[in-house]
């Protein structure tokens, strides 16, 4: 049975998981490297990341780097990685690294082959890394000077549940009243609130609030 690191009592998860959790929490940013596996990110990487609470990754940037034996360089895996990493809280920077036909550019030890176009590869990698370093420094400064805006969700999955009145399906009129109240409280901009309410009116079976 799968049991993530945050489900253990302190000191009972094992030294390897504890050491990795400390390293994740101490980092200012992450480079998430994955091969493409059936149009998706590596199952091994997914399994590893699932062991740790999102609060360890939150408010830190990440960069996506993928590779494949084919011509697309893992771009299809990268699409799924964006949503996955966003849920962890380590939002990916816009630039990504994709290496097609990786066996032509790197040897079995991961070193670039002598015939690789070193200058072009360096320039290609540099764009992503510069974005990552910029955001990592900005996020670290914000965490140090202002803290983080939301508390960690590291007790159990129920912490992510919506309030009870959202989960109970009220009658249509009450549901629209809830949406109206939510729109007013969620936005300080009256125009945005009116737009949200207008959408609720257009979407309601009766065509309006009554």
Protein backbone atom coordinates (compact mmCIF):
# COMPACT_ATOMS: atom_id res chain seq x y z
CA UNK A 1 0.00 0.00 0.00
CA UNK A 2 1.27 3.46 -0.93
CA UNK A 3 1.97 5.63 2.09
CA UNK A 4 3.41 9.11 1.45
CA UNK A 5 6.06 10.74 3.56
CA UNK A 6 3.63 13.20 5.15
CA UNK A 7 1.43 10.32 6.40
CA UNK A 8 4.15 9.11 8.77
CA UNK A 9 4.75 10.47 12.24
CA UNK A 10 7.89 12.56 12.50
CA UNK A 11 10.96 10.32 12.44
CA UNK A 12 9.13 7.18 11.28
CA UNK A 13 9.33 7.58 7.49
CA UNK A 14 12.93 6.44 7.18
CA UNK A 15 16.14 8.38 6.72
CA UNK A 16 16.05 8.38 2.90
CA UNK A 17 12.62 9.98 2.67
CA UNK A 18 13.44 12.41 5.48
CA UNK A 19 16.66 13.48 3.77
CA UNK A 20 14.90 14.03 0.45
CA UNK A 21 12.07 15.96 2.11
CA UNK A 22 14.60 18.26 3.76
CA UNK A 23 16.34 18.85 0.42
CA UNK A 24 13.03 19.67 -1.30
CA UNK A 25 12.03 22.09 1.44
CA UNK A 26 15.42 23.83 1.40
CA UNK A 27 15.51 24.38 -2.38
CA UNK A 28 14.58 27.68 -4.01
CA UNK A 29 13.54 26.07 -7.30
CA UNK A 30 13.45 22.78 -9.17
CA UNK A 31 14.42 21.36 -12.54
CA UNK A 32 12.01 18.54 -13.30
CA UNK A 33 13.66 16.19 -15.79
CA UNK A 34 11.66 13.39 -17.37
CA UNK A 35 11.68 11.12 -20.40
CA UNK A 36 8.47 10.75 -22.33
CA UNK A 37 6.69 7.54 -21.40
CA UNK A 38 3.50 6.72 -23.33
CA UNK A 39 2.94 10.43 -24.03
CA UNK A 40 3.29 11.15 -20.31
CA UNK A 41 5.91 11.97 -17.72
CA UNK A 42 7.90 9.19 -16.14
CA UNK A 43 5.85 7.03 -13.72
CA UNK A 44 8.93 6.84 -11.50
CA UNK A 45 9.01 10.65 -11.21
CA UNK A 46 5.27 10.80 -10.50
CA UNK A 47 5.61 8.15 -7.79
CA UNK A 48 8.53 9.98 -6.20
CA UNK A 49 6.85 13.40 -6.15
CA UNK A 50 3.61 11.93 -4.79
CA UNK A 51 5.44 10.96 -1.61
CA UNK A 52 5.77 14.57 -0.47
CA UNK A 53 3.31 17.24 0.62
CA UNK A 54 2.67 20.08 -1.79
CA UNK A 55 3.64 22.53 0.97
CA UNK A 56 7.29 21.49 0.51
CA UNK A 57 7.22 22.63 -3.12
CA UNK A 58 4.85 25.58 -2.83
CA UNK A 59 5.83 29.14 -3.72
CA UNK A 60 8.94 28.01 -5.57
CA UNK A 61 9.37 27.91 -9.36
CA UNK A 62 10.24 24.91 -11.48
CA UNK A 63 11.59 24.31 -14.98
CA UNK A 64 10.53 21.44 -17.20
CA UNK A 65 13.12 19.47 -19.15
CA UNK A 66 12.13 16.44 -21.20
CA UNK A 67 13.77 14.10 -23.69
CA UNK A 68 12.86 11.20 -25.92
CA UNK A 69 14.25 8.86 -28.52
CA UNK A 70 11.84 10.30 -31.08
CA UNK A 71 11.57 13.62 -32.83
CA UNK A 72 9.38 15.51 -30.36
CA UNK A 73 11.73 15.57 -27.39
CA UNK A 74 9.09 14.76 -24.79
CA UNK A 75 6.83 17.74 -25.51
CA UNK A 76 3.70 15.64 -24.93
CA UNK A 77 4.98 14.66 -21.50
CA UNK A 78 5.70 18.32 -20.74
CA UNK A 79 2.04 19.24 -21.29
CA UNK A 80 0.97 16.96 -18.46
CA UNK A 81 3.86 18.06 -16.26
CA UNK A 82 2.61 21.65 -16.27
CA UNK A 83 -0.63 20.73 -14.56
CA UNK A 84 1.05 18.28 -12.19
CA UNK A 85 3.69 20.76 -11.03
CA UNK A 86 1.13 23.54 -10.77
CA UNK A 87 -0.87 21.41 -8.35
CA UNK A 88 2.25 20.91 -6.24
CA UNK A 89 2.66 24.68 -6.11
CA UNK A 90 5.99 24.90 -7.94
CA UNK A 91 4.65 26.72 -11.01
CA UNK A 92 6.74 26.02 -14.16
CA UNK A 93 8.38 28.92 -15.95
CA UNK A 94 7.23 29.50 -19.52
CA UNK A 95 10.40 28.33 -21.29
CA UNK A 96 11.02 24.59 -21.44
CA UNK A 97 13.81 22.28 -22.58
CA UNK A 98 13.08 19.44 -25.00
CA UNK A 99 15.75 17.13 -26.38
CA UNK A 100 14.68 14.95 -29.35
CA UNK A 101 16.71 11.89 -30.30
CA UNK A 102 18.58 12.16 -27.03
CA UNK A 103 20.87 9.25 -27.94
CA UNK A 104 22.34 11.36 -30.75
CA UNK A 105 23.30 14.20 -28.42
CA UNK A 106 24.35 12.47 -25.19
CA UNK A 107 26.38 9.37 -24.41
CA UNK A 108 25.41 6.63 -21.94
CA UNK A 109 26.87 8.64 -19.04
CA UNK A 110 24.81 11.73 -19.87
CA UNK A 111 27.69 13.73 -21.32
CA UNK A 112 27.27 15.68 -24.55
CA UNK A 113 28.81 13.99 -27.53
CA UNK A 114 31.79 15.78 -29.11
CA UNK A 115 29.89 16.45 -32.30
CA UNK A 116 26.99 18.14 -30.48
CA UNK A 117 26.37 21.80 -31.30
CA UNK A 118 27.59 23.07 -27.96
CA UNK A 119 26.96 26.79 -28.51
CA UNK A 120 23.41 26.32 -29.74
CA UNK A 121 22.56 23.91 -26.92
CA UNK A 122 23.99 26.30 -24.33
CA UNK A 123 21.87 29.13 -25.69
CA UNK A 124 18.79 26.92 -25.74
CA UNK A 125 19.26 25.77 -22.13
CA UNK A 126 20.17 29.28 -20.99
CA UNK A 127 16.76 30.78 -21.74
CA UNK A 128 14.97 28.35 -19.44
CA UNK A 129 17.58 28.51 -16.69
CA UNK A 130 17.62 32.30 -16.65
CA UNK A 131 13.87 32.35 -16.13
CA UNK A 132 14.12 29.77 -13.36
CA UNK A 133 16.89 31.62 -11.51
CA UNK A 134 15.03 34.94 -11.78
CA UNK A 135 11.81 33.52 -10.36
CA UNK A 136 13.67 31.53 -7.70
CA UNK A 137 15.36 34.68 -6.42
CA UNK A 138 12.12 36.66 -6.52
CA UNK A 139 10.17 33.94 -4.70
CA UNK A 140 12.85 33.54 -2.04
CA UNK A 141 12.82 37.28 -1.39
CA UNK A 142 9.03 37.28 -1.10
CA UNK A 143 9.00 34.30 1.28
CA UNK A 144 11.68 35.92 3.44
CA UNK A 145 10.14 39.38 3.58
CA UNK A 146 6.43 38.64 3.45
CA UNK A 147 5.94 34.95 4.26
CA UNK A 148 3.48 32.87 2.24
CA UNK A 149 -0.17 33.84 1.65
CA UNK A 150 -1.78 30.49 2.48
CA UNK A 151 -1.24 27.89 5.18
CA UNK A 152 0.22 24.48 4.35
CA UNK A 153 -2.25 21.68 3.61
CA UNK A 154 -0.33 18.76 5.06
CA UNK A 155 -2.74 16.99 7.42
CA UNK A 156 -5.10 15.03 5.15
CA UNK A 157 -6.89 15.41 1.79
CA UNK A 158 -10.04 16.79 3.42
CA UNK A 159 -8.25 20.10 3.93
CA UNK A 160 -8.80 20.76 0.22
CA UNK A 161 -12.58 20.24 0.43
CA UNK A 162 -14.90 23.11 -0.40
CA UNK A 163 -17.06 24.56 2.37
CA UNK A 164 -20.12 22.47 3.22
CA UNK A 165 -22.58 24.82 1.55
CA UNK A 166 -20.73 24.32 -1.74
CA UNK A 167 -20.88 20.55 -1.54
CA UNK A 168 -24.59 20.36 -0.64
CA UNK A 169 -26.69 20.82 -3.76
CA UNK A 170 -29.26 23.51 -2.86
CA UNK A 171 -32.36 24.38 -4.82
CA UNK A 172 -31.68 26.40 -8.01
CA UNK A 173 -32.76 29.72 -6.53
CA UNK A 174 -30.57 29.27 -3.46
CA UNK A 175 -27.66 28.14 -5.61
CA UNK A 176 -27.84 31.36 -7.62
CA UNK A 177 -28.09 33.39 -4.43
CA UNK A 178 -24.93 31.68 -3.16
CA UNK A 179 -23.14 32.48 -6.42
CA UNK A 180 -24.28 36.09 -6.23
CA UNK A 181 -22.94 36.41 -2.67
CA UNK A 182 -19.69 34.69 -3.63
CA UNK A 183 -19.19 37.00 -6.62
CA UNK A 184 -19.64 40.07 -4.47
CA UNK A 185 -17.26 38.93 -1.74
CA UNK A 186 -14.60 37.44 -4.02
CA UNK A 187 -14.02 40.56 -6.07
CA UNK A 188 -13.29 44.14 -5.09
CA UNK A 189 -14.04 45.22 -8.63
CA UNK A 190 -17.77 45.90 -9.14
CA UNK A 191 -17.51 45.38 -12.89
CA UNK A 192 -16.04 41.90 -12.44
CA UNK A 193 -18.79 41.04 -9.97
CA UNK A 194 -21.48 42.13 -12.41
CA UNK A 195 -19.89 40.01 -15.13
CA UNK A 196 -19.89 36.94 -12.89
CA UNK A 197 -23.52 37.48 -11.90
CA UNK A 198 -24.49 38.08 -15.52
CA UNK A 199 -22.95 34.74 -16.42
CA UNK A 200 -24.97 33.09 -13.63
CA UNK A 201 -28.15 34.68 -14.96
CA UNK A 202 -27.48 33.52 -18.51
CA UNK A 203 -26.64 30.03 -17.31
CA UNK A 204 -29.66 29.53 -15.07
CA UNK A 205 -32.62 27.47 -16.38
CA UNK A 206 -35.09 30.21 -15.51
CA UNK A 207 -33.00 32.93 -17.12
CA UNK A 208 -32.65 35.11 -14.04
CA UNK A 209 -32.48 35.54 -10.30
CA UNK A 210 -35.87 35.40 -8.61
